[in-house]
C-alpha atoms as a PDB file:
ATOM      1  CA  UNK A   1      -5.822 -26.530  35.984  1.00  0.00           C
ATOM      2  CA  UNK A   2      -6.134 -24.048  33.130  1.00  0.00           C
ATOM      3  CA  UNK A   3      -2.615 -22.751  33.729  1.00  0.00           C
ATOM      4  CA  UNK A   4      -0.881 -26.073  33.172  1.00  0.00           C
ATOM      5  CA  UNK A   5      -0.170 -27.952  29.931  1.00  0.00           C
ATOM      6  CA  UNK A   6      -3.021 -30.048  28.571  1.00  0.00           C
ATOM      7  CA  UNK A   7      -1.141 -33.314  29.016  1.00  0.00           C
ATOM      8  CA  UNK A   8      -0.667 -32.555  32.721  1.00  0.00           C
ATOM      9  CA  UNK A   9      -4.369 -31.862  33.118  1.00  0.00           C
ATOM     10  CA  UNK A  10      -5.175 -35.183  31.466  1.00  0.00           C
ATOM     11  CA  UNK A  11      -2.641 -36.985  33.648  1.00  0.00           C
ATOM     12  CA  UNK A  12      -4.164 -35.357  36.729  1.00  0.00           C
ATOM     13  CA  UNK A  13      -7.609 -36.608  35.717  1.00  0.00           C
ATOM     14  CA  UNK A  14      -6.215 -40.125  35.228  1.00  0.00           C
ATOM     15  CA  UNK A  15      -4.395 -40.173  38.562  1.00  0.00           C
ATOM     16  CA  UNK A  16      -5.735 -42.093  41.551  1.00  0.00           C
ATOM     17  CA  UNK A  17      -6.637 -38.925  43.441  1.00  0.00           C
ATOM     18  CA  UNK A  18     -10.036 -37.502  44.460  1.00  0.00           C
ATOM     19  CA  UNK A  19      -9.452 -34.325  42.484  1.00  0.00           C
ATOM     20  CA  UNK A  20      -9.591 -33.390  39.709  1.00  0.00           C
ATOM     21  CA  UNK A  21     -12.546 -35.578  38.845  1.00  0.00           C
ATOM     22  CA  UNK A  22     -15.751 -35.525  36.876  1.00  0.00           C
ATOM     23  CA  UNK A  23     -16.756 -32.039  37.950  1.00  0.00           C
ATOM     24  CA  UNK A  24     -13.491 -30.542  36.765  1.00  0.00           C
ATOM     25  CA  UNK A  25     -13.673 -32.508  33.517  1.00  0.00           C
ATOM     26  CA  UNK A  26     -17.217 -31.221  32.964  1.00  0.00           C
ATOM     27  CA  UNK A  27     -16.055 -27.644  33.409  1.00  0.00           C
ATOM     28  CA  UNK A  28     -13.208 -28.186  30.957  1.00  0.00           C
ATOM     29  CA  UNK A  29     -15.611 -29.648  28.390  1.00  0.00           C
ATOM     30  CA  UNK A  30     -17.824 -26.611  28.867  1.00  0.00           C
ATOM     31  CA  UNK A  31     -14.853 -24.340  28.219  1.00  0.00           C
ATOM     32  CA  UNK A  32     -14.028 -26.127  24.971  1.00  0.00           C
ATOM     33  CA  UNK A  33     -17.631 -25.975  23.823  1.00  0.00           C
ATOM     34  CA  UNK A  34     -17.873 -22.262  24.554  1.00  0.00           C
ATOM     35  CA  UNK A  35     -14.552 -21.666  22.795  1.00  0.00           C
ATOM     36  CA  UNK A  36     -15.778 -23.408  19.631  1.00  0.00           C
ATOM     37  CA  UNK A  37     -18.960 -21.345  19.674  1.00  0.00           C
ATOM     38  CA  UNK A  38     -16.842 -18.222  19.959  1.00  0.00           C
ATOM     39  CA  UNK A  39     -14.719 -19.363  17.020  1.00  0.00           C
ATOM     40  CA  UNK A  40     -17.668 -19.985  14.705  1.00  0.00           C
ATOM     41  CA  UNK A  41     -19.215 -16.625  15.584  1.00  0.00           C
ATOM     42  CA  UNK A  42     -15.935 -14.856  14.826  1.00  0.00           C
ATOM     43  CA  UNK A  43     -15.665 -16.629  11.469  1.00  0.00           C
ATOM     44  CA  UNK A  44     -19.248 -15.668  10.674  1.00  0.00           C
ATOM     45  CA  UNK A  45     -18.682 -11.969  11.155  1.00  0.00           C
ATOM     46  CA  UNK A  46     -17.846  -9.950   8.034  1.00  0.00           C
ATOM     47  CA  UNK A  47     -19.444 -12.441   5.636  1.00  0.00           C
ATOM     48  CA  UNK A  48     -21.563 -10.853   2.920  1.00  0.00           C
ATOM     49  CA  UNK A  49     -24.520 -13.074   3.759  1.00  0.00           C
ATOM     50  CA  UNK A  50     -24.375 -11.886   7.378  1.00  0.00           C
ATOM     51  CA  UNK A  51     -23.861  -8.138   6.927  1.00  0.00           C
ATOM     52  CA  UNK A  52     -27.331  -7.368   8.201  1.00  0.00           C
ATOM     53  CA  UNK A  53     -26.683  -9.544  11.260  1.00  0.00           C
ATOM     54  CA  UNK A  54     -23.279  -8.186  12.208  1.00  0.00           C
ATOM     55  CA  UNK A  55     -24.620  -6.334  15.225  1.00  0.00           C
ATOM     56  CA  UNK A  56     -26.196  -9.559  16.501  1.00  0.00           C
ATOM     57  CA  UNK A  57     -23.002 -11.498  15.860  1.00  0.00           C
ATOM     58  CA  UNK A  58     -20.920  -8.822  17.572  1.00  0.00           C
ATOM     59  CA  UNK A  59     -23.168  -8.979  20.624  1.00  0.00           C
ATOM     60  CA  UNK A  60     -22.929 -12.778  20.677  1.00  0.00           C
ATOM     61  CA  UNK A  61     -19.147 -12.630  20.342  1.00  0.00           C
ATOM     62  CA  UNK A  62     -18.819 -10.228  23.256  1.00  0.00           C
ATOM     63  CA  UNK A  63     -21.121 -12.266  25.475  1.00  0.00           C
ATOM     64  CA  UNK A  64     -19.550 -15.616  24.569  1.00  0.00           C
ATOM     65  CA  UNK A  65     -16.109 -14.250  25.362  1.00  0.00           C
ATOM     66  CA  UNK A  66     -17.301 -13.129  28.794  1.00  0.00           C
ATOM     67  CA  UNK A  67     -18.991 -16.484  29.396  1.00  0.00           C
ATOM     68  CA  UNK A  68     -15.841 -18.373  28.427  1.00  0.00           C
ATOM     69  CA  UNK A  69     -13.792 -16.292  30.866  1.00  0.00           C
ATOM     70  CA  UNK A  70     -16.311 -17.088  33.609  1.00  0.00           C
ATOM     71  CA  UNK A  71     -16.128 -20.825  32.837  1.00  0.00           C
ATOM     72  CA  UNK A  72     -12.337 -21.034  32.853  1.00  0.00           C
ATOM     73  CA  UNK A  73     -11.908 -21.057  36.677  1.00  0.00           C
ATOM     74  CA  UNK A  74     -14.701 -23.570  37.298  1.00  0.00           C
ATOM     75  CA  UNK A  75     -12.511 -26.679  37.067  1.00  0.00           C
ATOM     76  CA  UNK A  76     -10.219 -25.341  39.785  1.00  0.00           C
ATOM     77  CA  UNK A  77     -13.194 -24.234  41.858  1.00  0.00           C
ATOM     78  CA  UNK A  78     -14.659 -27.730  41.595  1.00  0.00           C
ATOM     79  CA  UNK A  79     -11.400 -29.225  42.853  1.00  0.00           C
ATOM     80  CA  UNK A  80     -11.289 -26.861  45.821  1.00  0.00           C
ATOM     81  CA  UNK A  81     -14.888 -27.547  46.753  1.00  0.00           C
ATOM     82  CA  UNK A  82     -14.364 -31.311  46.824  1.00  0.00           C
ATOM     83  CA  UNK A  83     -11.095 -30.924  48.697  1.00  0.00           C
ATOM     84  CA  UNK A  84     -13.254 -29.363  51.417  1.00  0.00           C
ATOM     85  CA  UNK A  85     -15.372 -32.501  51.533  1.00  0.00           C
ATOM     86  CA  UNK A  86     -12.268 -34.685  51.839  1.00  0.00           C
ATOM     87  CA  UNK A  87     -10.951 -32.504  54.672  1.00  0.00           C
ATOM     88  CA  UNK A  88     -14.264 -32.780  56.507  1.00  0.00           C
ATOM     89  CA  UNK A  89     -14.266 -36.579  56.247  1.00  0.00           C
ATOM     90  CA  UNK A  90     -10.742 -36.597  57.684  1.00  0.00           C
ATOM     91  CA  UNK A  91     -11.839 -34.850  60.883  1.00  0.00           C
ATOM     92  CA  UNK A  92     -11.649 -36.701  64.189  1.00  0.00           C
ATOM     93  CA  UNK A  93     -14.659 -38.736  65.296  1.00  0.00           C
ATOM     94  CA  UNK A  94     -13.562 -40.210  68.617  1.00  0.00           C
ATOM     95  CA  UNK A  95     -16.190 -38.453  70.748  1.00  0.00           C
ATOM     96  CA  UNK A  96     -19.828 -37.561  70.233  1.00  0.00           C
ATOM     97  CA  UNK A  97     -18.892 -33.906  70.016  1.00  0.00           C
ATOM     98  CA  UNK A  98     -16.250 -34.638  67.398  1.00  0.00           C
ATOM     99  CA  UNK A  99     -18.709 -36.778  65.447  1.00  0.00           C
ATOM    100  CA  UNK A 100     -21.293 -33.997  65.481  1.00  0.00           C
ATOM    101  CA  UNK A 101     -18.742 -31.412  64.385  1.00  0.00           C
ATOM    102  CA  UNK A 102     -17.488 -33.723  61.653  1.00  0.00           C
ATOM    103  CA  UNK A 103     -20.975 -34.398  60.311  1.00  0.00           C
ATOM    104  CA  UNK A 104     -21.810 -30.698  60.296  1.00  0.00           C
ATOM    105  CA  UNK A 105     -18.593 -29.977  58.407  1.00  0.00           C
ATOM    106  CA  UNK A 106     -19.321 -32.740  55.908  1.00  0.00           C
ATOM    107  CA  UNK A 107     -22.792 -31.387  55.244  1.00  0.00           C
ATOM    108  CA  UNK A 108     -21.532 -27.837  54.800  1.00  0.00           C
ATOM    109  CA  UNK A 109     -18.739 -28.933  52.481  1.00  0.00           C
ATOM    110  CA  UNK A 110     -21.120 -31.124  50.466  1.00  0.00           C
ATOM    111  CA  UNK A 111     -23.379 -28.149  49.841  1.00  0.00           C
ATOM    112  CA  UNK A 112     -20.353 -26.311  48.476  1.00  0.00           C
ATOM    113  CA  UNK A 113     -19.444 -29.291  46.311  1.00  0.00           C
ATOM    114  CA  UNK A 114     -22.985 -29.252  44.917  1.00  0.00           C
ATOM    115  CA  UNK A 115     -23.205 -25.503  44.311  1.00  0.00           C
ATOM    116  CA  UNK A 116     -20.108 -25.302  42.109  1.00  0.00           C
ATOM    117  CA  UNK A 117     -21.243 -27.858  39.496  1.00  0.00           C
ATOM    118  CA  UNK A 118     -24.714 -26.336  39.591  1.00  0.00           C
ATOM    119  CA  UNK A 119     -23.103 -23.040  38.586  1.00  0.00           C
ATOM    120  CA  UNK A 120     -21.181 -24.818  35.821  1.00  0.00           C
ATOM    121  CA  UNK A 121     -24.402 -26.396  34.579  1.00  0.00           C
ATOM    122  CA  UNK A 122     -26.141 -23.021  34.454  1.00  0.00           C
ATOM    123  CA  UNK A 123     -23.158 -21.465  32.677  1.00  0.00           C
ATOM    124  CA  UNK A 124     -23.261 -24.140  29.977  1.00  0.00           C
ATOM    125  CA  UNK A 125     -26.978 -23.544  29.478  1.00  0.00           C
ATOM    126  CA  UNK A 126     -26.362 -19.800  29.243  1.00  0.00           C
ATOM    127  CA  UNK A 127     -23.758 -20.312  26.502  1.00  0.00           C
ATOM    128  CA  UNK A 128     -26.358 -22.235  24.508  1.00  0.00           C
ATOM    129  CA  UNK A 129     -28.787 -19.358  25.046  1.00  0.00           C
ATOM    130  CA  UNK A 130     -26.248 -16.887  23.675  1.00  0.00           C
ATOM    131  CA  UNK A 131     -25.545 -18.790  20.458  1.00  0.00           C
ATOM    132  CA  UNK A 132     -29.172 -19.621  19.638  1.00  0.00           C
ATOM    133  CA  UNK A 133     -30.167 -16.295  17.982  1.00  0.00           C
ATOM    134  CA  UNK A 134     -27.254 -16.456  15.512  1.00  0.00           C
ATOM    135  CA  UNK A 135     -27.189 -20.137  14.628  1.00  0.00           C
ATOM    136  CA  UNK A 136     -28.663 -19.279  11.240  1.00  0.00           C
ATOM    137  CA  UNK A 137     -25.562 -17.195  10.472  1.00  0.00           C
ATOM    138  CA  UNK A 138     -23.196 -20.147  10.729  1.00  0.00           C
ATOM    139  CA  UNK A 139     -22.061 -21.406   7.330  1.00  0.00           C
ATOM    140  CA  UNK A 140     -21.664 -24.966   6.092  1.00  0.00           C
ATOM    141  CA  UNK A 141     -17.852 -24.877   6.191  1.00  0.00           C
ATOM    142  CA  UNK A 142     -17.824 -24.449   9.971  1.00  0.00           C
ATOM    143  CA  UNK A 143     -21.029 -26.316  10.769  1.00  0.00           C
ATOM    144  CA  UNK A 144     -19.114 -29.280  12.164  1.00  0.00           C
ATOM    145  CA  UNK A 145     -17.329 -26.961  14.601  1.00  0.00           C
ATOM    146  CA  UNK A 146     -20.693 -25.616  15.763  1.00  0.00           C
ATOM    147  CA  UNK A 147     -21.986 -29.149  16.300  1.00  0.00           C
ATOM    148  CA  UNK A 148     -18.803 -30.242  18.067  1.00  0.00           C
ATOM    149  CA  UNK A 149     -19.051 -27.222  20.333  1.00  0.00           C
ATOM    150  CA  UNK A 150     -22.633 -28.123  21.177  1.00  0.00           C
ATOM    151  CA  UNK A 151     -21.678 -31.714  21.968  1.00  0.00           C
ATOM    152  CA  UNK A 152     -18.848 -30.599  24.246  1.00  0.00           C
ATOM    153  CA  UNK A 153     -21.014 -28.015  25.943  1.00  0.00           C
ATOM    154  CA  UNK A 154     -23.741 -30.584  26.551  1.00  0.00           C
ATOM    155  CA  UNK A 155     -21.134 -33.011  27.911  1.00  0.00           C
ATOM    156  CA  UNK A 156     -20.100 -30.280  30.325  1.00  0.00           C
ATOM    157  CA  UNK A 157     -23.708 -29.728  31.347  1.00  0.00           C
ATOM    158  CA  UNK A 158     -24.395 -33.461  31.757  1.00  0.00           C
ATOM    159  CA  UNK A 159     -21.234 -34.009  33.786  1.00  0.00           C
ATOM    160  CA  UNK A 160     -21.959 -31.046  36.015  1.00  0.00           C
ATOM    161  CA  UNK A 161     -25.527 -32.268  36.524  1.00  0.00           C
ATOM    162  CA  UNK A 162     -24.291 -35.671  37.698  1.00  0.00           C
ATOM    163  CA  UNK A 163     -22.091 -33.960  40.260  1.00  0.00           C
ATOM    164  CA  UNK A 164     -25.051 -31.954  41.524  1.00  0.00           C
ATOM    165  CA  UNK A 165     -27.036 -35.163  41.795  1.00  0.00           C
ATOM    166  CA  UNK A 166     -24.454 -37.193  43.680  1.00  0.00           C
ATOM    167  CA  UNK A 167     -23.846 -34.441  46.204  1.00  0.00           C
ATOM    168  CA  UNK A 168     -27.544 -33.692  46.639  1.00  0.00           C
ATOM    169  CA  UNK A 169     -28.050 -37.355  47.486  1.00  0.00           C
ATOM    170  CA  UNK A 170     -25.605 -37.038  50.396  1.00  0.00           C
ATOM    171  CA  UNK A 171     -27.370 -34.124  52.065  1.00  0.00           C
ATOM    172  CA  UNK A 172     -29.390 -34.599  55.239  1.00  0.00           C
ATOM    173  CA  UNK A 173     -31.611 -31.665  54.302  1.00  0.00           C
ATOM    174  CA  UNK A 174     -33.753 -33.485  51.743  1.00  0.00           C
ATOM    175  CA  UNK A 175     -35.940 -30.467  51.035  1.00  0.00           C
ATOM    176  CA  UNK A 176     -32.900 -28.361  50.143  1.00  0.00           C
ATOM    177  CA  UNK A 177     -31.556 -31.184  47.993  1.00  0.00           C
ATOM    178  CA  UNK A 178     -34.862 -31.659  46.192  1.00  0.00           C
ATOM    179  CA  UNK A 179     -35.099 -27.948  45.394  1.00  0.00           C
ATOM    180  CA  UNK A 180     -31.558 -27.974  43.996  1.00  0.00           C
ATOM    181  CA  UNK A 181     -32.321 -31.023  41.862  1.00  0.00           C
ATOM    182  CA  UNK A 182     -35.485 -29.433  40.492  1.00  0.00           C
ATOM    183  CA  UNK A 183     -33.434 -26.440  39.390  1.00  0.00           C
ATOM    184  CA  UNK A 184     -30.759 -28.666  37.868  1.00  0.00           C
ATOM    185  CA  UNK A 185     -33.346 -30.792  36.033  1.00  0.00           C
ATOM    186  CA  UNK A 186     -34.842 -27.698  34.410  1.00  0.00           C
ATOM    187  CA  UNK A 187     -31.476 -26.272  33.383  1.00  0.00           C
ATOM    188  CA  UNK A 188     -30.283 -29.572  31.921  1.00  0.00           C
ATOM    189  CA  UNK A 189     -33.516 -29.914  29.959  1.00  0.00           C
ATOM    190  CA  UNK A 190     -32.870 -26.494  28.413  1.00  0.00           C
ATOM    191  CA  UNK A 191     -29.305 -27.471  27.485  1.00  0.00           C
ATOM    192  CA  UNK A 192     -30.413 -30.752  25.929  1.00  0.00           C
ATOM    193  CA  UNK A 193     -33.104 -29.012  23.899  1.00  0.00           C
ATOM    194  CA  UNK A 194     -30.599 -26.450  22.622  1.00  0.00           C
ATOM    195  CA  UNK A 195     -28.105 -29.129  21.587  1.00  0.00           C
ATOM    196  CA  UNK A 196     -30.796 -31.044  19.704  1.00  0.00           C
ATOM    197  CA  UNK A 197     -31.761 -27.883  17.815  1.00  0.00           C
ATOM    198  CA  UNK A 198     -28.147 -27.225  16.830  1.00  0.00           C
ATOM    199  CA  UNK A 199     -27.657 -30.840  15.738  1.00  0.00           C
ATOM    200  CA  UNK A 200     -30.755 -30.610  13.526  1.00  0.00           C
ATOM    201  CA  UNK A 201     -29.549 -27.347  11.980  1.00  0.00           C
ATOM    202  CA  UNK A 202     -26.134 -28.776  11.245  1.00  0.00           C
ATOM    203  CA  UNK A 203     -27.594 -31.979   9.843  1.00  0.00           C
ATOM    204  CA  UNK A 204     -29.666 -29.914   7.401  1.00  0.00           C
ATOM    205  CA  UNK A 205     -26.616 -27.883   6.373  1.00  0.00           C
ATOM    206  CA  UNK A 206     -24.503 -30.933   5.686  1.00  0.00           C
ATOM    207  CA  UNK A 207     -27.022 -32.807   3.547  1.00  0.00           C
END
């Protein structure tokens, strides 16, 4: 999806097709949030007020760039994982053996469809973790970009979380699903907390 024009990506999301869907959209939101964080860090480097923090900003810039590159393929990965679920549901179910094979394939594919958004969720949280030490270096003139990035990144995290939840609910292995949800709950809580902190910082800057 990242290699096609934006309007085509939007049209693909609007189309009556299983993919791309919410998981892909969440990954794209995460990419935009990470990109805005990277922009504000780059603008903050070289400022007189931040000269003593340039090493910290440089480290954040390098890490954010790597995290953005890791997020870019996640929308396509989400599509592929759900396509596997669709293929499993399309399997024959005329005999007991076929039904058993189909159910096993569905379960396996559903795990894959859950793992990908869980990775996206963790990536979004990690981007928040990277920006946190240098939030104080972000000036008033780009504070709105910082806040917008945080909102988009949280949207990515929230959307990815919902995709973990819906797939976990379809798993027969309830213990495995519960463990995955506990992880996702903790990661989302971290992301929400980070976004609230950024919003409060920006609100103070803009008063």
